Amino acid sequence: MSIFYDCFFIIFSIFYIPYLIFKGKLHKDFRERFTVPSEKFKGIISPLWIHAVSVGEVVIAVKITRELKKILPNKKIIISTTTLTGNKLAREQGSGLFDAIFYFPIDLSCIVKNFIRVIKPAVFLIIETELWPNIISEMKRAHVPVILVNGRLSAKSFRNYKRVRFFIKKILQNVELFLMQGDVDAERIITLGACREKVKVYGSIKFDEYSFSDSKKYTKRFFSFREDDNVIIAGSTHAPEEEYILDIYLKLKSKYSNLKLVIVPRHIERISSIEKLIRAKSFLCKKFSDILAGRGKNSTHADIILIDTIGHLRALYNTATIVFVGGSLVKKGGQNPLEPAGLGKPIVFGPHMYNFSSITKILLETKSALMVKDKDDLLKEIDTLLADKIKQEFLGRNALDIIRKNSGALTRGAEMIKLVLERGEQNAPVS
């Protein structure tokens, strides 16, 4: 099977690499995905290897590594990422935590074999659902247990995987343990071919991600806002959601003179186009990088802040009166609504939250968030919330209660990983 997959992967890459070049994603460290950076693994014996694709997965990896270090203080833990932003965040947040940080190998059998031969991992953890056929198969051949952590399958991913179920089933049979977020995710992975005995529902680690101490860093005063100002934060937005939220802000500003807006785009490479959009609507704005650097202190006061950095969103939510979760008015699957929930903020999102379906269902059933159908409905709900402080407090309190009641997946998952690791260490070492 690997020969056919390798051929397909090579043909696909011939067309995909020009796309990466065009998008500016083919960075100088990309070559690390082809050859093992052996110098990074000197003195590291039988590490626990975590793979986290990008920023969201890295945040989870950091949390679970901290938990694992409590029960496995002497175990070496390394992390691979796929994206440049994920790698950067791993280096920023994982300094002193991870024993090596590197890029995930290209999933060609000859390449992943070499990585496994050099690293000799004791266990391979995949954050959420990254099913790379060759590396999973080669881990199995090398007697390295593979664990899917915080696993989830959106309806869209499930439909796509079902089309190639005959192929996916063979991959899933090489996975030792599936720690899934919810019952729906568990049933979906079983339908695709996972052994039911290996599938466990442990809840979402995302409920355990919240460190409230580091979420108090940014206040309204940091942005030169007043304490009684109402602040809308539009987090992880996609086009054309920025235009929607700016139109809503324009309509509400005349009614609520103390209204401020913070826009946090999902992809910071879109900053220039968003800044032009803001100016075209005759708004003044400041970029977050300028505020951090202390630039523009004496410039004209701006009611709109444009976040052009990564890794600050959770701490920024502390300043919000109302949070709009981006990627949900357009078909992008939404973003993590638990970050503002963990700070007790009233949350509003659109109908396209399929990447967080289990969490969204819990929030809606417990009246901890509001779902709107379109931009007009979003305007209506934000207007209602701004005029009703009691409803704001009701939603925020319920959201915070959900976080508290659903915590614990991190500890349960770490204990199970430890059991698999101890069982695996009794087997023959990787040759």
Protein backbone atom coordinates (compact mmCIF):
# COMPACT_ATOMS: atom_id res chain seq x y z
CA MET A 1 0.00 0.00 0.00
CA SER A 2 2.87 2.38 0.85
CA ILE A 3 4.26 2.22 -2.71
CA PHE A 4 0.96 3.36 -4.22
CA TYR A 5 0.55 6.05 -1.56
CA ASP A 6 4.12 7.28 -2.11
CA CYS A 7 3.49 7.58 -5.85
CA PHE A 8 0.28 9.50 -5.23
CA PHE A 9 2.00 11.76 -2.69
CA ILE A 10 4.83 12.60 -5.09
CA ILE A 11 2.43 13.44 -7.93
CA PHE A 12 0.34 15.56 -5.54
CA SER A 13 3.47 17.39 -4.31
CA ILE A 14 4.48 18.35 -7.85
CA PHE A 15 1.32 20.46 -8.04
CA TYR A 16 1.18 21.49 -4.38
CA ILE A 17 4.70 22.89 -3.96
CA PRO A 18 4.11 25.71 -6.50
CA TYR A 19 1.02 26.63 -4.48
CA LEU A 20 3.15 26.83 -1.31
CA ILE A 21 5.65 29.05 -3.11
CA PHE A 22 2.85 31.31 -4.37
CA LYS A 23 1.37 31.58 -0.86
CA GLY A 24 4.77 32.25 0.68
CA LYS A 25 4.58 29.17 2.90
CA LEU A 26 7.69 27.45 1.53
CA HIS A 27 10.02 28.84 4.21
CA LYS A 28 13.76 28.23 4.60
CA ASP A 29 13.27 25.50 7.25
CA PHE A 30 10.99 23.49 4.97
CA ARG A 31 13.96 21.31 3.98
CA GLU A 32 13.97 19.96 7.55
CA ARG A 33 10.90 17.94 6.54
CA PHE A 34 13.06 15.87 4.18
CA THR A 35 16.15 15.17 6.28
CA VAL A 36 16.42 14.37 9.97
CA PRO A 37 17.92 17.25 11.99
CA SER A 38 20.01 14.73 13.96
CA GLU A 39 21.76 17.37 16.05
CA LYS A 40 18.45 18.18 17.77
CA PHE A 41 18.14 14.64 19.14
CA LYS A 42 21.61 14.17 20.65
CA GLY A 43 21.31 12.69 24.12
CA ILE A 44 17.56 12.12 23.76
CA ILE A 45 16.73 8.45 24.33
CA SER A 46 13.29 6.90 23.64
CA PRO A 47 11.38 10.18 23.75
CA LEU A 48 7.66 10.69 23.71
CA TRP A 49 6.99 12.30 20.31
CA ILE A 50 4.03 14.69 20.03
CA HIS A 51 2.83 15.91 16.63
CA ALA A 52 0.88 19.20 16.57
CA VAL A 53 -0.01 20.63 13.16
CA SER A 54 -0.35 24.33 13.92
CA VAL A 55 -1.08 26.92 16.60
CA GLY A 56 -4.24 25.40 18.12
CA GLU A 57 -2.71 21.94 18.39
CA VAL A 58 0.53 23.34 19.84
CA VAL A 59 -1.43 25.02 22.65
CA ILE A 60 -2.94 21.63 23.53
CA ALA A 61 0.48 19.93 23.24
CA VAL A 62 1.96 22.41 25.72
CA LYS A 63 -0.82 21.71 28.21
CA ILE A 64 -0.61 17.94 27.95
CA THR A 65 3.18 18.03 28.16
CA ARG A 66 2.98 19.97 31.41
CA GLU A 67 0.57 17.35 32.75
CA LEU A 68 2.78 14.48 31.56
CA LYS A 69 5.84 16.05 33.21
CA LYS A 70 4.02 15.82 36.55
CA ILE A 71 3.73 12.03 36.31
CA LEU A 72 6.75 11.36 34.05
CA PRO A 73 9.30 13.94 35.25
CA ASN A 74 12.29 12.21 33.67
CA LYS A 75 10.72 11.44 30.30
CA LYS A 76 12.10 13.28 27.28
CA ILE A 77 9.32 14.88 25.21
CA ILE A 78 9.79 16.22 21.68
CA ILE A 79 7.33 18.01 19.39
CA SER A 80 6.93 18.29 15.63
CA THR A 81 4.80 20.87 13.83
CA THR A 82 3.74 21.34 10.23
CA THR A 83 3.31 25.11 10.00
CA LEU A 84 5.77 27.93 10.53
CA THR A 85 3.43 29.67 13.01
CA GLY A 86 3.00 26.43 14.96
CA ASN A 87 6.75 25.96 15.16
CA LYS A 88 7.23 29.54 16.33
CA LEU A 89 4.61 29.17 19.06
CA ALA A 90 6.14 25.86 20.21
CA ARG A 91 9.50 27.63 20.63
CA GLU A 92 7.88 30.54 22.47
CA GLN A 93 5.62 28.58 24.83
CA GLY A 94 7.58 25.34 24.98
CA SER A 95 11.00 26.72 25.85
CA GLY A 96 12.40 24.51 28.60
CA LEU A 97 9.42 22.17 28.25
CA PHE A 98 10.16 20.31 25.01
CA ASP A 99 13.51 18.60 24.59
CA ALA A 100 13.42 19.11 20.81
CA ILE A 101 11.26 21.13 18.42
CA PHE A 102 11.30 20.28 14.72
CA TYR A 103 9.20 20.09 11.56
CA PHE A 104 7.07 17.04 10.82
CA PRO A 105 8.61 14.84 8.10
CA ILE A 106 7.10 14.63 4.64
CA ASP A 107 4.93 11.49 4.67
CA LEU A 108 7.00 9.43 2.24
CA SER A 109 7.91 5.98 3.55
CA CYS A 110 11.68 6.37 3.02
CA ILE A 111 11.68 9.71 4.88
CA VAL A 112 9.54 8.73 7.86
CA LYS A 113 11.50 5.48 8.29
CA ASN A 114 14.67 7.52 8.65
CA PHE A 115 13.10 9.87 11.21
CA ILE A 116 11.85 6.93 13.28
CA ARG A 117 15.24 5.16 13.02
CA VAL A 118 17.09 8.21 14.33
CA ILE A 119 14.59 9.35 16.98
CA LYS A 120 13.53 5.90 18.24
CA PRO A 121 10.38 7.21 19.97
CA ALA A 122 8.73 5.30 22.81
CA VAL A 123 5.24 6.63 21.93
CA PHE A 124 3.85 8.78 19.13
CA LEU A 125 1.01 11.17 20.04
CA ILE A 126 -1.14 12.86 17.39
CA ILE A 127 -3.05 15.92 18.57
CA GLU A 128 -6.64 15.87 17.26
CA THR A 129 -7.02 14.04 13.92
CA GLU A 130 -3.99 14.03 11.62
CA LEU A 131 -4.04 10.67 9.85
CA TRP A 132 -0.78 10.38 7.90
CA PRO A 133 -0.70 6.81 6.48
CA ASN A 134 3.04 6.19 6.18
CA ILE A 135 4.21 7.48 9.54
CA ILE A 136 1.40 5.65 11.36
CA SER A 137 2.17 2.42 9.50
CA GLU A 138 5.92 2.75 10.07
CA MET A 139 5.38 3.43 13.78
CA LYS A 140 3.42 0.19 13.96
CA ARG A 141 6.21 -1.72 12.21
CA ALA A 142 8.71 -0.24 14.65
CA HIS A 143 6.52 -1.32 17.61
CA VAL A 144 5.86 2.29 18.61
CA PRO A 145 2.35 2.80 20.05
CA VAL A 146 0.35 5.53 18.30
CA ILE A 147 -2.20 7.49 20.34
CA LEU A 148 -4.74 9.97 18.97
CA VAL A 149 -5.21 12.67 21.63
CA ASN A 150 -8.18 15.05 21.88
CA GLY A 151 -9.56 13.37 18.76
CA ARG A 152 -12.44 14.90 16.88
CA LEU A 153 -14.12 14.39 13.52
CA SER A 154 -16.29 17.13 12.07
CA ALA A 155 -19.24 16.15 9.88
CA LYS A 156 -17.32 17.37 6.83
CA SER A 157 -14.17 15.35 7.65
CA PHE A 158 -16.29 12.31 8.43
CA ARG A 159 -17.99 12.50 5.03
CA ASN A 160 -14.66 12.87 3.26
CA TYR A 161 -13.06 9.97 5.13
CA LYS A 162 -16.06 7.73 4.45
CA ARG A 163 -15.37 8.03 0.72
CA VAL A 164 -12.03 6.27 1.27
CA ARG A 165 -13.07 4.11 4.22
CA PHE A 166 -11.34 1.03 2.78
CA PHE A 167 -8.06 2.96 2.98
CA ILE A 168 -8.66 4.79 6.27
CA LYS A 169 -9.63 1.55 8.05
CA LYS A 170 -6.16 0.10 7.47
CA ILE A 171 -4.57 3.23 8.94
CA LEU A 172 -6.82 3.26 12.01
CA GLN A 173 -6.02 -0.38 12.75
CA ASN A 174 -2.43 0.71 13.41
CA VAL A 175 -3.46 3.12 16.17
CA GLU A 176 -3.17 1.83 19.73
CA LEU A 177 -5.58 4.23 21.45
CA PHE A 178 -8.12 6.88 20.47
CA LEU A 179 -8.88 9.52 23.12
CA MET A 180 -11.92 11.20 21.58
CA GLN A 181 -13.62 14.43 22.65
CA GLY A 182 -17.22 13.25 22.58
CA ASP A 183 -19.62 10.39 21.87
CA VAL A 184 -20.28 11.61 18.31
CA ASP A 185 -16.53 11.74 17.56
CA ALA A 186 -16.10 8.25 19.00
CA GLU A 187 -18.90 6.73 16.93
CA ARG A 188 -17.57 8.36 13.78
CA ILE A 189 -14.04 6.99 14.24
CA ILE A 190 -15.47 3.53 14.98
CA THR A 191 -17.60 3.71 11.81
CA LEU A 192 -14.45 4.47 9.83
CA GLY A 193 -12.81 1.30 11.13
CA ALA A 194 -11.29 1.94 14.57
CA CYS A 195 -11.52 -0.97 17.00
CA ARG A 196 -14.27 -0.12 19.52
CA GLU A 197 -12.18 -1.45 22.44
CA LYS A 198 -9.45 1.08 21.63
CA VAL A 199 -11.77 4.11 21.53
CA LYS A 200 -12.29 6.06 24.75
CA VAL A 201 -14.34 9.22 25.34
CA TYR A 202 -12.34 11.49 27.61
CA GLY A 203 -13.91 14.85 26.86
CA SER A 204 -12.11 17.78 25.30
CA ILE A 205 -8.70 18.80 26.60
CA LYS A 206 -9.69 22.28 25.45
CA PHE A 207 -11.79 22.55 28.63
CA ASP A 208 -8.56 22.19 30.63
CA GLU A 209 -6.56 24.73 28.66
CA TYR A 210 -7.37 27.85 30.60
CA SER A 211 -4.84 29.59 32.80
CA PHE A 212 -6.70 32.59 34.10
CA SER A 213 -3.59 34.24 35.54
CA ASP A 214 -2.02 34.79 32.13
CA SER A 215 -5.39 35.94 30.78
CA LYS A 216 -5.35 39.08 32.92
CA LYS A 217 -2.41 40.68 31.13
CA TYR A 218 -4.34 42.97 28.80
CA THR A 219 -6.92 45.40 30.14
CA LYS A 220 -9.04 48.09 28.56
CA ARG A 221 -6.59 50.70 29.79
CA PHE A 222 -3.81 48.98 27.80
CA PHE A 223 -5.68 50.07 24.64
CA SER A 224 -6.38 53.54 26.07
CA PHE A 225 -10.02 52.52 26.50
CA ARG A 226 -12.04 53.56 29.55
CA GLU A 227 -13.23 50.96 32.05
CA ASP A 228 -16.88 51.69 31.21
CA ASP A 229 -16.33 51.25 27.44
CA ASN A 230 -18.12 48.39 25.70
CA VAL A 231 -15.64 46.31 23.71
CA ILE A 232 -16.59 43.89 20.93
CA ILE A 233 -13.84 41.39 20.10
CA ALA A 234 -14.17 39.60 16.77
CA GLY A 235 -11.79 36.66 17.16
CA SER A 236 -10.20 34.51 14.44
CA THR A 237 -12.17 36.12 11.63
CA HIS A 238 -12.18 35.16 7.95
CA ALA A 239 -13.17 37.28 4.95
CA PRO A 240 -15.77 38.76 4.61
CA GLU A 241 -16.53 38.66 8.36
CA GLU A 242 -14.37 41.74 8.99
CA GLU A 243 -16.59 43.73 6.63
CA TYR A 244 -19.71 42.39 8.36
CA ILE A 245 -18.44 43.35 11.81
CA LEU A 246 -17.33 46.81 10.64
CA ASP A 247 -20.80 47.47 9.19
CA ILE A 248 -22.35 46.34 12.47
CA TYR A 249 -19.97 48.54 14.43
CA LEU A 250 -20.86 51.56 12.25
CA LYS A 251 -24.58 51.04 12.89
CA LEU A 252 -24.18 50.55 16.64
CA LYS A 253 -21.62 53.29 17.28
CA SER A 254 -24.22 56.05 16.99
CA LYS A 255 -26.37 54.29 19.60
CA TYR A 256 -23.52 53.33 21.97
CA SER A 257 -20.95 56.13 21.92
CA ASN A 258 -18.57 54.22 24.20
CA LEU A 259 -18.39 51.23 21.83
CA LYS A 260 -14.94 49.92 20.80
CA LEU A 261 -13.92 47.15 18.42
CA VAL A 262 -10.99 44.72 18.38
CA ILE A 263 -10.51 42.62 15.23
CA VAL A 264 -8.34 39.49 15.38
CA PRO A 265 -8.03 37.88 11.92
CA ARG A 266 -7.36 34.15 11.73
CA HIS A 267 -4.52 34.70 9.25
CA ILE A 268 -2.25 37.66 9.94
CA GLU A 269 -1.06 37.79 6.33
CA ARG A 270 -4.43 39.43 5.61
CA ILE A 271 -3.65 42.41 7.88
CA SER A 272 -2.91 44.85 5.02
CA SER A 273 -6.20 44.16 3.23
CA ILE A 274 -8.18 44.47 6.48
CA GLU A 275 -6.43 47.73 7.33
CA LYS A 276 -7.39 49.11 3.91
CA LEU A 277 -10.98 48.01 4.50
CA ILE A 278 -11.06 49.85 7.85
CA ARG A 279 -9.71 53.02 6.28
CA ALA A 280 -12.13 52.77 3.36
CA LYS A 281 -14.94 52.95 5.90
CA SER A 282 -13.36 56.11 7.39
CA PHE A 283 -12.39 54.49 10.70
CA LEU A 284 -9.20 55.14 12.62
CA CYS A 285 -7.37 52.08 13.89
CA LYS A 286 -4.18 51.08 15.65
CA LYS A 287 -2.20 47.90 15.09
CA PHE A 288 -1.45 45.80 18.14
CA SER A 289 2.24 45.47 17.26
CA ASP A 290 2.54 49.26 17.45
CA ILE A 291 0.89 49.33 20.86
CA LEU A 292 3.21 46.58 22.15
CA ALA A 293 6.22 48.50 20.85
CA GLY A 294 5.01 51.72 22.44
CA ARG A 295 4.58 53.43 19.11
CA GLY A 296 1.86 56.01 18.54
CA LYS A 297 1.28 56.87 22.21
CA ASN A 298 0.62 60.48 21.33
CA SER A 299 -1.30 59.77 18.13
CA THR A 300 -5.01 60.29 17.59
CA HIS A 301 -7.16 58.02 19.74
CA ALA A 302 -8.52 55.03 17.79
CA ASP A 303 -11.73 53.14 18.51
CA ILE A 304 -10.63 50.07 16.52
CA ILE A 305 -7.64 47.87 17.34
CA LEU A 306 -6.33 45.48 14.66
CA ILE A 307 -4.39 42.53 16.07
CA ASP A 308 -1.44 41.74 13.80
CA THR A 309 0.36 39.26 16.07
CA ILE A 310 -0.24 35.63 17.03
CA GLY A 311 -0.63 33.98 20.42
CA HIS A 312 -2.37 36.87 22.21
CA LEU A 313 -6.06 36.20 21.56
CA ARG A 314 -6.91 34.47 24.83
CA ALA A 315 -5.36 37.22 26.94
CA LEU A 316 -7.10 39.84 24.80
CA TYR A 317 -10.51 38.28 25.48
CA ASN A 318 -10.19 39.61 29.04
CA THR A 319 -11.01 43.10 27.70
CA ALA A 320 -14.21 42.01 25.89
CA THR A 321 -17.76 42.92 26.71
CA ILE A 322 -19.04 40.66 23.91
CA VAL A 323 -17.14 38.09 21.83
CA PHE A 324 -17.92 37.11 18.26
CA VAL A 325 -16.28 33.82 17.23
CA GLY A 326 -15.01 34.08 13.66
CA GLY A 327 -15.04 31.49 10.91
CA SER A 328 -18.68 30.82 11.76
CA LEU A 329 -20.62 33.19 9.49
CA VAL A 330 -18.68 31.69 6.58
CA LYS A 331 -18.14 27.99 6.00
CA LYS A 332 -14.83 27.66 7.82
CA GLY A 333 -16.02 25.55 10.75
CA GLY A 334 -15.67 28.24 13.42
CA GLN A 335 -12.95 28.60 16.05
CA ASN A 336 -12.54 27.61 19.66
CA PRO A 337 -15.38 29.21 21.71
CA LEU A 338 -13.97 27.96 25.02
CA GLU A 339 -11.29 30.64 25.27
CA PRO A 340 -13.84 33.43 25.94
CA ALA A 341 -16.05 30.98 27.87
CA GLY A 342 -13.18 30.39 30.30
CA LEU A 343 -13.22 34.11 31.09
CA GLY A 344 -16.99 34.25 31.55
CA LYS A 345 -17.66 36.31 28.43
CA PRO A 346 -20.96 36.35 26.49
CA ILE A 347 -20.32 34.55 23.20
CA VAL A 348 -22.00 34.86 19.80
CA PHE A 349 -21.23 32.75 16.72
CA GLY A 350 -22.71 31.91 13.33
CA PRO A 351 -24.21 28.63 12.09
CA HIS A 352 -20.96 27.11 10.73
CA MET A 353 -19.33 25.77 13.89
CA TYR A 354 -18.88 22.22 12.60
CA ASN A 355 -15.21 21.97 13.64
CA PHE A 356 -16.36 22.38 17.25
CA SER A 357 -19.71 20.61 17.04
CA SER A 358 -19.52 18.81 20.41
CA ILE A 359 -18.49 21.95 22.28
CA THR A 360 -21.03 24.10 20.43
CA LYS A 361 -23.82 21.68 21.30
CA ILE A 362 -22.94 21.86 25.01
CA LEU A 363 -22.78 25.67 24.99
CA LEU A 364 -26.14 26.04 23.25
CA GLU A 365 -27.93 23.42 25.36
CA THR A 366 -26.80 25.11 28.57
CA LYS A 367 -27.65 28.62 27.32
CA SER A 368 -23.98 29.58 27.50
CA ALA A 369 -23.73 31.11 24.00
CA LEU A 370 -25.89 32.45 21.17
CA MET A 371 -25.98 31.22 17.58
CA VAL A 372 -27.00 33.63 14.82
CA LYS A 373 -27.98 32.76 11.27
CA ASP A 374 -26.43 35.69 9.37
CA LYS A 375 -24.91 39.19 9.69
CA ASP A 376 -28.32 40.83 10.22
CA ASP A 377 -29.07 38.44 13.06
CA LEU A 378 -25.60 39.15 14.49
CA LEU A 379 -26.38 42.89 14.55
CA LYS A 380 -29.65 42.20 16.35
CA GLU A 381 -28.09 39.96 19.02
CA ILE A 382 -25.13 42.26 19.72
CA ASP A 383 -27.50 45.21 20.03
CA THR A 384 -29.67 43.25 22.46
CA LEU A 385 -26.68 42.23 24.57
CA LEU A 386 -25.25 45.74 24.72
CA ALA A 387 -28.58 46.98 26.07
CA ASP A 388 -29.02 44.12 28.56
CA LYS A 389 -26.25 43.74 31.17
CA ILE A 390 -28.22 41.02 32.97
CA LYS A 391 -28.27 38.86 29.84
CA GLN A 392 -24.53 39.46 29.41
CA GLU A 393 -23.89 38.22 32.94
CA PHE A 394 -26.24 35.25 32.49
CA LEU A 395 -24.45 34.00 29.38
CA GLY A 396 -21.00 34.63 30.82
CA ARG A 397 -21.76 32.87 34.10
CA ASN A 398 -23.20 29.84 32.32
CA ALA A 399 -20.16 29.66 30.01
CA LEU A 400 -17.76 29.70 32.96
CA ASP A 401 -19.77 26.98 34.72
CA ILE A 402 -19.43 24.76 31.63
CA ILE A 403 -15.65 25.07 31.78
CA ARG A 404 -15.58 24.09 35.44
CA LYS A 405 -17.95 21.13 35.06
CA ASN A 406 -16.16 19.63 32.04
CA SER A 407 -12.57 19.91 33.24
CA GLY A 408 -10.44 16.82 33.90
CA ALA A 409 -9.84 15.35 30.42
CA LEU A 410 -6.21 16.45 30.58
CA THR A 411 -5.46 14.44 33.72
CA ARG A 412 -7.38 11.37 32.54
CA GLY A 413 -5.66 11.44 29.17
CA ALA A 414 -2.18 11.80 30.67
CA GLU A 415 -2.75 8.80 32.93
CA MET A 416 -3.82 6.65 29.97
CA ILE A 417 -0.81 7.77 27.93
CA LYS A 418 1.42 6.77 30.84
CA LEU A 419 -0.16 3.28 30.91
CA VAL A 420 0.40 2.81 27.17
CA LEU A 421 3.98 4.06 27.51
CA GLU A 422 4.75 1.66 30.36
CA ARG A 423 3.19 -1.22 28.46
CA GLY A 424 5.15 -0.32 25.33
CA GLU A 425 8.46 -0.13 27.17
CA GLN A 426 8.05 -3.80 28.07
CA ASN A 427 8.19 -4.69 24.36
CA ALA A 428 11.31 -5.04 22.26
CA PRO A 429 13.11 -1.73 21.61
CA VAL A 430 12.99 -0.04 18.22
CA SER A 431 15.68 -1.52 15.99
